[in-house]
Amino acid sequence: MKRLLVFAMLLFVVCSSQGQTQSSKQKEDDRNTGLGFHFGTISGNGFSYRKYYKKGGLQVTLGGITSGSKEIYNTIYGNYGSASIITITKNGRETKLSSAVNYVRTLDTSQVGRFYIVAGGSLLSSFIRQYEIDYQMVEVNYYTRIKDHPERKKWDSDYAYYFGFGLGYDFNLWENFHCVVELPLTIDNESEIKMYIPQAGIYYFFK
C-alpha cells in the first residue's frame, strides 16, 4: 500500500507540472471514453475505465495481485512448552483483488483540462491460502515435520472498504493521453477518516 501511495504522489507531481505546460493546448471535447490505470483509496488500484457525459461521468476500476510464498519448512526452532507434537498454521500465497466504482461531476473545463468532484467507494478483498502442518520434537526447541501427516489446506479471507468524496483535475497531456489527480476525504471500514492521501491515474482517451 505504501508503494502505491508513493507512486500516486509521484504521478500527482508529474501531472501537475505537465498541466502547467499545456495551458495553450486545445481541449479535446470529442473524446470522452478512456482506458488506463488508477491508484488510490476510493478509486481502487488497477485497470480503469472512465466515461464522461455532459456533466456527469463514471469510473470503474479493477485490479489484483498475488504475493507470498508456498514454501513449507521441514524443520523449525522454538519454545512450544516442550510439547512432543505441535501444529503450526502457516500463511501461503495471498491474492488481493481491488474493485471500485466512482461518480464524476464536472464543475468546469478549460484548455488545460477538467475540474470535477469525485465520489464513490472501493472494496479490497484478500484471500490467503493457509497450511496446517504437524511437527514432532527431536531435540529441545527443535522440531521436524511429520512426513506421514499431510498438510491441511484452508482459505482465510479479509475485506476492507473505503467510501468518500473529493476534488479532482483531469489534465490534457499530449495526443490522447490524460493525467488525473485527486484529493478525496475517505472513510474506511473502521470508521476512520483519512484525508490528504492523493489519488492519481493515467488514461488514453480513444473516442
C-alpha atoms as a PDB file:
ATOM      1  CA  MET A   1       0.000   0.000   0.000  1.00  0.00           C
ATOM      2  CA  LYS A   2       2.839   2.407   0.836  1.00  0.00           C
ATOM      3  CA  ARG A   3       4.446   1.807  -2.554  1.00  0.00           C
ATOM      4  CA  LEU A   4       1.155   2.590  -4.298  1.00  0.00           C
ATOM      5  CA  LEU A   5       0.841   5.828  -2.321  1.00  0.00           C
ATOM      6  CA  VAL A   6       4.372   6.859  -3.283  1.00  0.00           C
ATOM      7  CA  PHE A   7       3.613   6.085  -6.932  1.00  0.00           C
ATOM      8  CA  ALA A   8       0.384   8.083  -6.752  1.00  0.00           C
ATOM      9  CA  MET A   9       2.194  11.076  -5.255  1.00  0.00           C
ATOM     10  CA  LEU A  10       4.876  10.959  -7.963  1.00  0.00           C
ATOM     11  CA  LEU A  11       2.201  10.790 -10.634  1.00  0.00           C
ATOM     12  CA  PHE A  12       0.449  13.694  -8.915  1.00  0.00           C
ATOM     13  CA  VAL A  13       3.593  15.851  -9.221  1.00  0.00           C
ATOM     14  CA  VAL A  14       4.180  14.853 -12.854  1.00  0.00           C
ATOM     15  CA  CYS A  15       0.593  15.602 -13.836  1.00  0.00           C
ATOM     16  CA  SER A  16       0.642  18.973 -12.113  1.00  0.00           C
ATOM     17  CA  SER A  17       3.837  20.053 -13.847  1.00  0.00           C
ATOM     18  CA  GLN A  18       2.653  18.748 -17.213  1.00  0.00           C
ATOM     19  CA  GLY A  19      -0.667  20.504 -16.831  1.00  0.00           C
ATOM     20  CA  GLN A  20       1.059  23.860 -16.311  1.00  0.00           C
ATOM     21  CA  THR A  21       2.985  23.465 -19.566  1.00  0.00           C
ATOM     22  CA  GLN A  22      -0.128  22.544 -21.548  1.00  0.00           C
ATOM     23  CA  SER A  23      -2.175  25.719 -20.932  1.00  0.00           C
ATOM     24  CA  SER A  24      -2.255  26.580 -24.631  1.00  0.00           C
ATOM     25  CA  LYS A  25      -3.348  23.114 -25.767  1.00  0.00           C
ATOM     26  CA  GLN A  26      -6.764  22.901 -27.439  1.00  0.00           C
ATOM     27  CA  LYS A  27      -9.255  20.883 -25.389  1.00  0.00           C
ATOM     28  CA  GLU A  28     -10.397  17.614 -26.982  1.00  0.00           C
ATOM     29  CA  ASP A  29     -14.162  17.782 -26.426  1.00  0.00           C
ATOM     30  CA  ASP A  30     -14.922  14.918 -28.794  1.00  0.00           C
ATOM     31  CA  ARG A  31     -13.065  12.265 -26.762  1.00  0.00           C
ATOM     32  CA  ASN A  32     -14.930  11.181 -23.637  1.00  0.00           C
ATOM     33  CA  THR A  33     -14.048   7.475 -23.186  1.00  0.00           C
ATOM     34  CA  GLY A  34     -10.712   6.380 -21.757  1.00  0.00           C
ATOM     35  CA  LEU A  35      -8.853   3.320 -20.508  1.00  0.00           C
ATOM     36  CA  GLY A  36      -5.854   3.358 -18.216  1.00  0.00           C
ATOM     37  CA  PHE A  37      -4.635   2.849 -14.665  1.00  0.00           C
ATOM     38  CA  HIS A  38      -5.777   4.442 -11.418  1.00  0.00           C
ATOM     39  CA  PHE A  39      -4.346   4.227  -7.896  1.00  0.00           C
ATOM     40  CA  GLY A  40      -5.997   5.455  -4.703  1.00  0.00           C
ATOM     41  CA  THR A  41      -8.267   4.730  -1.756  1.00  0.00           C
ATOM     42  CA  ILE A  42     -11.778   5.295  -3.157  1.00  0.00           C
ATOM     43  CA  SER A  43     -10.659   4.834  -6.773  1.00  0.00           C
ATOM     44  CA  GLY A  44      -9.172   1.387  -6.160  1.00  0.00           C
ATOM     45  CA  ASN A  45      -5.963   0.156  -7.777  1.00  0.00           C
ATOM     46  CA  GLY A  46      -5.661  -1.341 -11.235  1.00  0.00           C
ATOM     47  CA  PHE A  47      -7.076  -1.099 -14.737  1.00  0.00           C
ATOM     48  CA  SER A  48      -9.630   1.670 -15.021  1.00  0.00           C
ATOM     49  CA  TYR A  49     -12.418   2.695 -17.396  1.00  0.00           C
ATOM     50  CA  ARG A  50     -13.612   6.312 -17.414  1.00  0.00           C
ATOM     51  CA  LYS A  51     -16.587   7.715 -19.326  1.00  0.00           C
ATOM     52  CA  TYR A  52     -17.601  11.378 -19.443  1.00  0.00           C
ATOM     53  CA  TYR A  53     -21.090  12.581 -20.282  1.00  0.00           C
ATOM     54  CA  LYS A  54     -22.291  16.197 -20.481  1.00  0.00           C
ATOM     55  CA  LYS A  55     -21.775  16.947 -16.788  1.00  0.00           C
ATOM     56  CA  GLY A  56     -21.571  13.558 -15.153  1.00  0.00           C
ATOM     57  CA  GLY A  57     -19.172  10.690 -15.546  1.00  0.00           C
ATOM     58  CA  LEU A  58     -18.475   7.112 -14.451  1.00  0.00           C
ATOM     59  CA  GLN A  59     -15.265   5.368 -13.487  1.00  0.00           C
ATOM     60  CA  VAL A  60     -14.829   1.622 -12.868  1.00  0.00           C
ATOM     61  CA  THR A  61     -11.540   0.146 -11.629  1.00  0.00           C
ATOM     62  CA  LEU A  62     -10.486  -3.483 -11.218  1.00  0.00           C
ATOM     63  CA  GLY A  63      -7.109  -4.912 -10.263  1.00  0.00           C
ATOM     64  CA  GLY A  64      -5.431  -7.793  -8.485  1.00  0.00           C
ATOM     65  CA  ILE A  65      -2.102  -9.189  -7.342  1.00  0.00           C
ATOM     66  CA  THR A  66      -0.817 -12.439  -5.811  1.00  0.00           C
ATOM     67  CA  SER A  67       2.162 -12.488  -3.449  1.00  0.00           C
ATOM     68  CA  GLY A  68       3.727 -14.601  -0.728  1.00  0.00           C
ATOM     69  CA  SER A  69       5.430 -17.995  -0.635  1.00  0.00           C
ATOM     70  CA  LYS A  70       4.210 -21.592  -0.848  1.00  0.00           C
ATOM     71  CA  GLU A  71       7.349 -22.940   0.827  1.00  0.00           C
ATOM     72  CA  ILE A  72       6.774 -25.294   3.764  1.00  0.00           C
ATOM     73  CA  TYR A  73       9.652 -25.713   6.228  1.00  0.00           C
ATOM     74  CA  ASN A  74      10.679 -29.234   7.184  1.00  0.00           C
ATOM     75  CA  THR A  75      12.324 -28.086  10.413  1.00  0.00           C
ATOM     76  CA  ILE A  76      11.502 -25.284  12.856  1.00  0.00           C
ATOM     77  CA  TYR A  77      13.005 -23.933  16.059  1.00  0.00           C
ATOM     78  CA  GLY A  78      11.118 -22.515  19.017  1.00  0.00           C
ATOM     79  CA  ASN A  79       9.880 -22.937  22.553  1.00  0.00           C
ATOM     80  CA  TYR A  80       6.478 -24.616  22.449  1.00  0.00           C
ATOM     81  CA  GLY A  81       6.270 -25.670  26.092  1.00  0.00           C
ATOM     82  CA  SER A  82       8.208 -28.912  25.482  1.00  0.00           C
ATOM     83  CA  ALA A  83       5.229 -30.338  23.568  1.00  0.00           C
ATOM     84  CA  SER A  84       6.156 -33.520  21.710  1.00  0.00           C
ATOM     85  CA  ILE A  85       3.859 -32.786  18.758  1.00  0.00           C
ATOM     86  CA  ILE A  86       2.761 -29.329  17.621  1.00  0.00           C
ATOM     87  CA  THR A  87       0.600 -27.977  14.804  1.00  0.00           C
ATOM     88  CA  ILE A  88       1.711 -24.812  13.026  1.00  0.00           C
ATOM     89  CA  THR A  89      -0.522 -22.697  10.796  1.00  0.00           C
ATOM     90  CA  LYS A  90       1.456 -21.022   8.024  1.00  0.00           C
ATOM     91  CA  ASN A  91       0.266 -18.414   5.556  1.00  0.00           C
ATOM     92  CA  GLY A  92       0.969 -19.228   1.931  1.00  0.00           C
ATOM     93  CA  ARG A  93       0.119 -17.244  -1.194  1.00  0.00           C
ATOM     94  CA  GLU A  94      -2.173 -14.232  -0.798  1.00  0.00           C
ATOM     95  CA  THR A  95      -4.388 -12.830  -3.546  1.00  0.00           C
ATOM     96  CA  LYS A  96      -5.708  -9.283  -3.301  1.00  0.00           C
ATOM     97  CA  LEU A  97      -8.497  -8.000  -5.532  1.00  0.00           C
ATOM     98  CA  SER A  98      -9.374  -4.318  -5.786  1.00  0.00           C
ATOM     99  CA  SER A  99     -12.659  -3.091  -7.259  1.00  0.00           C
ATOM    100  CA  ALA A 100     -14.224   0.367  -7.272  1.00  0.00           C
ATOM    101  CA  VAL A 101     -16.995   2.481  -8.771  1.00  0.00           C
ATOM    102  CA  ASN A 102     -16.780   6.293  -8.773  1.00  0.00           C
ATOM    103  CA  TYR A 103     -19.050   9.066  -9.985  1.00  0.00           C
ATOM    104  CA  VAL A 104     -17.531  12.196 -11.530  1.00  0.00           C
ATOM    105  CA  ARG A 105     -19.335  15.549 -11.683  1.00  0.00           C
ATOM    106  CA  THR A 106     -17.714  18.188 -13.910  1.00  0.00           C
ATOM    107  CA  LEU A 107     -17.543  21.693 -12.416  1.00  0.00           C
ATOM    108  CA  ASP A 108     -15.555  23.479 -15.115  1.00  0.00           C
ATOM    109  CA  THR A 109     -13.459  22.848 -18.215  1.00  0.00           C
ATOM    110  CA  SER A 110     -10.607  24.775 -19.800  1.00  0.00           C
ATOM    111  CA  GLN A 111      -7.800  24.345 -22.308  1.00  0.00           C
ATOM    112  CA  VAL A 112      -5.750  22.680 -19.578  1.00  0.00           C
ATOM    113  CA  GLY A 113      -8.359  20.104 -18.624  1.00  0.00           C
ATOM    114  CA  ARG A 114     -11.384  19.362 -16.454  1.00  0.00           C
ATOM    115  CA  PHE A 115     -12.115  20.303 -12.809  1.00  0.00           C
ATOM    116  CA  TYR A 116     -14.573  17.979 -11.058  1.00  0.00           C
ATOM    117  CA  ILE A 117     -15.994  16.408  -7.908  1.00  0.00           C
ATOM    118  CA  VAL A 118     -15.450  12.674  -7.444  1.00  0.00           C
ATOM    119  CA  ALA A 119     -17.418  10.403  -5.103  1.00  0.00           C
ATOM    120  CA  GLY A 120     -17.585   6.656  -4.707  1.00  0.00           C
ATOM    121  CA  GLY A 121     -16.155   3.646  -2.980  1.00  0.00           C
ATOM    122  CA  SER A 122     -13.800   0.707  -3.302  1.00  0.00           C
ATOM    123  CA  LEU A 123     -13.543  -2.817  -1.923  1.00  0.00           C
ATOM    124  CA  LEU A 124     -10.260  -4.603  -1.194  1.00  0.00           C
ATOM    125  CA  SER A 125     -10.681  -8.383  -0.918  1.00  0.00           C
ATOM    126  CA  SER A 126      -7.828 -10.528   0.428  1.00  0.00           C
ATOM    127  CA  PHE A 127      -7.709 -14.333   0.166  1.00  0.00           C
ATOM    128  CA  ILE A 128      -4.907 -16.167   1.990  1.00  0.00           C
ATOM    129  CA  ARG A 129      -4.057 -19.844   1.486  1.00  0.00           C
ATOM    130  CA  GLN A 130      -3.161 -21.352   4.865  1.00  0.00           C
ATOM    131  CA  TYR A 131      -1.464 -24.634   5.733  1.00  0.00           C
ATOM    132  CA  GLU A 132      -1.713 -26.601   8.981  1.00  0.00           C
ATOM    133  CA  ILE A 133       1.447 -28.689   9.435  1.00  0.00           C
ATOM    134  CA  ASP A 134       2.321 -31.184  12.186  1.00  0.00           C
ATOM    135  CA  TYR A 135       5.819 -31.287  13.700  1.00  0.00           C
ATOM    136  CA  GLN A 136       7.417 -33.572  16.270  1.00  0.00           C
ATOM    137  CA  MET A 137      10.172 -32.664  18.708  1.00  0.00           C
ATOM    138  CA  VAL A 138      13.521 -34.378  18.129  1.00  0.00           C
ATOM    139  CA  GLU A 139      15.548 -32.165  20.467  1.00  0.00           C
ATOM    140  CA  VAL A 140      14.755 -29.364  22.891  1.00  0.00           C
ATOM    141  CA  ASN A 141      13.196 -26.494  20.896  1.00  0.00           C
ATOM    142  CA  TYR A 142      13.920 -28.346  17.643  1.00  0.00           C
ATOM    143  CA  TYR A 143      11.084 -29.859  15.602  1.00  0.00           C
ATOM    144  CA  THR A 144      10.872 -31.741  12.315  1.00  0.00           C
ATOM    145  CA  ARG A 145       7.879 -32.192  10.067  1.00  0.00           C
ATOM    146  CA  ILE A 146       5.917 -35.438  10.396  1.00  0.00           C
ATOM    147  CA  LYS A 147       6.084 -36.797   6.864  1.00  0.00           C
ATOM    148  CA  ASP A 148       3.081 -39.134   7.069  1.00  0.00           C
ATOM    149  CA  HIS A 149       0.850 -36.264   8.253  1.00  0.00           C
ATOM    150  CA  PRO A 150      -0.152 -34.346   5.112  1.00  0.00           C
ATOM    151  CA  GLU A 151      -0.664 -30.629   5.454  1.00  0.00           C
ATOM    152  CA  ARG A 152      -4.269 -29.407   5.716  1.00  0.00           C
ATOM    153  CA  LYS A 153      -5.174 -26.548   3.426  1.00  0.00           C
ATOM    154  CA  LYS A 154      -7.749 -23.872   4.079  1.00  0.00           C
ATOM    155  CA  TRP A 155      -8.599 -20.345   3.000  1.00  0.00           C
ATOM    156  CA  ASP A 156      -8.765 -17.216   5.128  1.00  0.00           C
ATOM    157  CA  SER A 157     -10.347 -14.038   3.806  1.00  0.00           C
ATOM    158  CA  ASP A 158     -10.443 -10.392   4.779  1.00  0.00           C
ATOM    159  CA  TYR A 159     -12.298  -7.391   3.377  1.00  0.00           C
ATOM    160  CA  ALA A 160     -11.752  -3.649   3.625  1.00  0.00           C
ATOM    161  CA  TYR A 161     -13.837  -0.914   2.070  1.00  0.00           C
ATOM    162  CA  TYR A 162     -13.402   2.810   1.522  1.00  0.00           C
ATOM    163  CA  PHE A 163     -16.009   5.477   0.772  1.00  0.00           C
ATOM    164  CA  GLY A 164     -15.540   9.174   0.214  1.00  0.00           C
ATOM    165  CA  PHE A 165     -15.571  12.226  -1.997  1.00  0.00           C
ATOM    166  CA  GLY A 166     -13.176  14.958  -3.048  1.00  0.00           C
ATOM    167  CA  LEU A 167     -11.896  17.212  -5.800  1.00  0.00           C
ATOM    168  CA  GLY A 168     -10.005  16.206  -8.912  1.00  0.00           C
ATOM    169  CA  TYR A 169      -8.481  17.537 -12.088  1.00  0.00           C
ATOM    170  CA  ASP A 170      -8.104  15.811 -15.444  1.00  0.00           C
ATOM    171  CA  PHE A 171      -5.089  17.262 -17.279  1.00  0.00           C
ATOM    172  CA  ASN A 172      -4.825  17.087 -21.071  1.00  0.00           C
ATOM    173  CA  LEU A 173      -1.250  15.947 -21.669  1.00  0.00           C
ATOM    174  CA  TRP A 174      -0.409  15.135 -25.272  1.00  0.00           C
ATOM    175  CA  GLU A 175      -2.278  13.467 -28.125  1.00  0.00           C
ATOM    176  CA  ASN A 176      -4.971  11.336 -26.443  1.00  0.00           C
ATOM    177  CA  PHE A 177      -3.277  10.970 -23.049  1.00  0.00           C
ATOM    178  CA  HIS A 178      -4.808  12.405 -19.880  1.00  0.00           C
ATOM    179  CA  CYS A 179      -3.409  12.508 -16.350  1.00  0.00           C
ATOM    180  CA  VAL A 180      -5.786  12.596 -13.380  1.00  0.00           C
ATOM    181  CA  VAL A 181      -5.030  13.803  -9.836  1.00  0.00           C
ATOM    182  CA  GLU A 182      -7.494  13.772  -6.933  1.00  0.00           C
ATOM    183  CA  LEU A 183      -7.622  14.578  -3.209  1.00  0.00           C
ATOM    184  CA  PRO A 184     -10.511  12.740  -1.515  1.00  0.00           C
ATOM    185  CA  LEU A 185     -11.788  12.613   2.041  1.00  0.00           C
ATOM    186  CA  THR A 186     -12.111   8.909   2.844  1.00  0.00           C
ATOM    187  CA  ILE A 187     -13.915   6.831   5.476  1.00  0.00           C
ATOM    188  CA  ASP A 188     -12.726   3.237   5.864  1.00  0.00           C
ATOM    189  CA  ASN A 189     -14.338   0.108   7.309  1.00  0.00           C
ATOM    190  CA  GLU A 190     -13.064   1.015  10.787  1.00  0.00           C
ATOM    191  CA  SER A 191     -14.921   4.365  10.608  1.00  0.00           C
ATOM    192  CA  GLU A 192     -11.651   6.272  10.451  1.00  0.00           C
ATOM    193  CA  ILE A 193     -11.498   9.445   8.365  1.00  0.00           C
ATOM    194  CA  LYS A 194      -8.452   9.835   6.148  1.00  0.00           C
ATOM    195  CA  MET A 195      -7.632  12.944   4.138  1.00  0.00           C
ATOM    196  CA  TYR A 196      -4.848  14.360   2.006  1.00  0.00           C
ATOM    197  CA  ILE A 197      -3.933  10.983   0.524  1.00  0.00           C
ATOM    198  CA  PRO A 198      -3.689  11.742  -3.207  1.00  0.00           C
ATOM    199  CA  GLN A 199      -5.093   9.575  -5.966  1.00  0.00           C
ATOM    200  CA  ALA A 200      -3.668   9.520  -9.464  1.00  0.00           C
ATOM    201  CA  GLY A 201      -4.311   7.902 -12.808  1.00  0.00           C
ATOM    202  CA  ILE A 202      -3.239   7.999 -16.414  1.00  0.00           C
ATOM    203  CA  TYR A 203      -5.624   7.348 -19.315  1.00  0.00           C
ATOM    204  CA  TYR A 204      -5.704   7.025 -23.070  1.00  0.00           C
ATOM    205  CA  PHE A 205      -8.907   8.540 -24.476  1.00  0.00           C
ATOM    206  CA  PHE A 206      -9.722   6.767 -27.711  1.00  0.00           C
ATOM    207  CA  LYS A 207     -13.212   8.042 -28.524  1.00  0.00           C
END
